[in-house]
Structures are given as structure tokens and as C-alpha cells.
Protein backbone atom coordinates (compact mmCIF):
# COMPACT_ATOMS: atom_id res chain seq x y z
CA MET A 1 -4.82 -11.60 21.14
CA GLU A 2 -5.76 -11.53 17.46
CA ILE A 3 -3.81 -9.44 14.97
CA ASP A 4 -5.81 -7.04 12.83
CA ARG A 5 -4.27 -8.12 9.52
CA PRO A 6 -5.79 -5.36 7.32
CA GLY A 7 -4.76 -2.77 9.91
CA LEU A 8 -1.23 -4.15 10.05
CA GLU A 9 -0.94 -4.08 6.26
CA ARG A 10 -2.21 -0.47 6.20
CA VAL A 11 0.34 0.64 8.78
CA LYS A 12 3.13 -1.18 6.95
CA ARG A 13 2.15 0.46 3.63
CA GLU A 14 1.94 3.92 5.23
CA TRP A 15 5.39 3.43 6.78
CA MET A 16 6.86 2.33 3.45
CA LEU A 17 5.33 5.33 1.65
CA SER A 18 6.71 7.66 4.30
CA ALA A 19 10.19 6.12 4.03
CA LEU A 20 10.04 6.32 0.24
CA LYS A 21 9.14 10.02 0.38
CA LYS A 22 12.07 10.63 2.73
CA LEU A 23 14.42 8.86 0.29
CA LEU A 24 13.18 11.13 -2.49
CA GLU A 25 13.66 14.24 -0.35
CA GLU A 26 17.23 13.16 0.45
CA GLN A 27 17.79 12.55 -3.29
CA ILE A 28 18.62 8.88 -2.69
CA VAL A 29 16.02 7.75 -5.24
CA THR A 30 15.00 9.39 -8.49
CA GLU A 31 11.60 10.94 -9.10
CA GLU A 32 10.78 8.17 -11.58
CA ALA A 33 11.71 5.40 -9.11
CA TYR A 34 9.64 7.16 -6.45
CA ARG A 35 6.56 7.31 -8.71
CA ARG A 36 6.86 3.67 -9.84
CA THR A 37 7.37 2.33 -6.32
CA ARG A 38 4.60 4.49 -4.85
CA SER A 39 2.21 3.35 -7.56
CA ALA A 40 3.06 -0.30 -6.89
CA LEU A 41 2.54 0.15 -3.14
CA LEU A 42 -0.82 1.80 -3.63
CA LYS A 43 -1.98 -1.00 -5.95
CA GLU A 44 -1.32 -3.55 -3.17
CA ARG A 45 -4.24 -2.27 -1.11
CA PRO A 46 -6.34 -5.06 0.33
CA PRO A 47 -10.01 -5.19 -0.65
CA HIS A 48 -12.45 -3.22 1.47
CA ALA A 49 -14.28 -5.12 4.19
CA GLY A 50 -17.50 -4.76 2.20
CA ALA A 51 -15.97 -6.69 -0.67
CA ALA A 52 -15.46 -9.89 1.34
CA GLY A 53 -16.66 -12.96 -0.51
CA LYS A 54 -17.02 -11.23 -3.85
CA SER A 55 -15.25 -12.22 -7.01
CA ASP A 56 -12.90 -9.94 -8.92
CA THR A 57 -15.82 -8.76 -11.03
CA GLY A 58 -17.62 -7.48 -7.96
CA ARG A 59 -20.43 -9.98 -8.31
CA GLY A 60 -20.66 -12.21 -5.25
């Protein structure tokens, strides 16, 4: 059985965002820490499947 790596990463990121929101609601983390961490998690998104084989400039 092959692991769907992009799918696994998406689920992991969604779980982390959910946990982070819960920490904010419970006042365990500050609003600023929440925003910084959420922003960093969202920037880690893997490239879309259509971008495979392309350089960072978008030109393949």
C-alpha cells in the first residue's frame, strides 16, 4: 500500500491548525503566537499537483 504523501501532510497540517486554535481558545497561547504559528503552518503547503516539475519561478 502506498502512502498519499500530500494527503498525509494536509491532514497533519489541518490537525495542527485545529490544535492551535484550541490552545488559543483555552488561553494557553497568546493571540500573537497563534497568528505567527498559523501563518508559518499555512506557508508550509506543498505545491499543487499541477506545479510538478516546475521551477520556483513557475516556468518549467
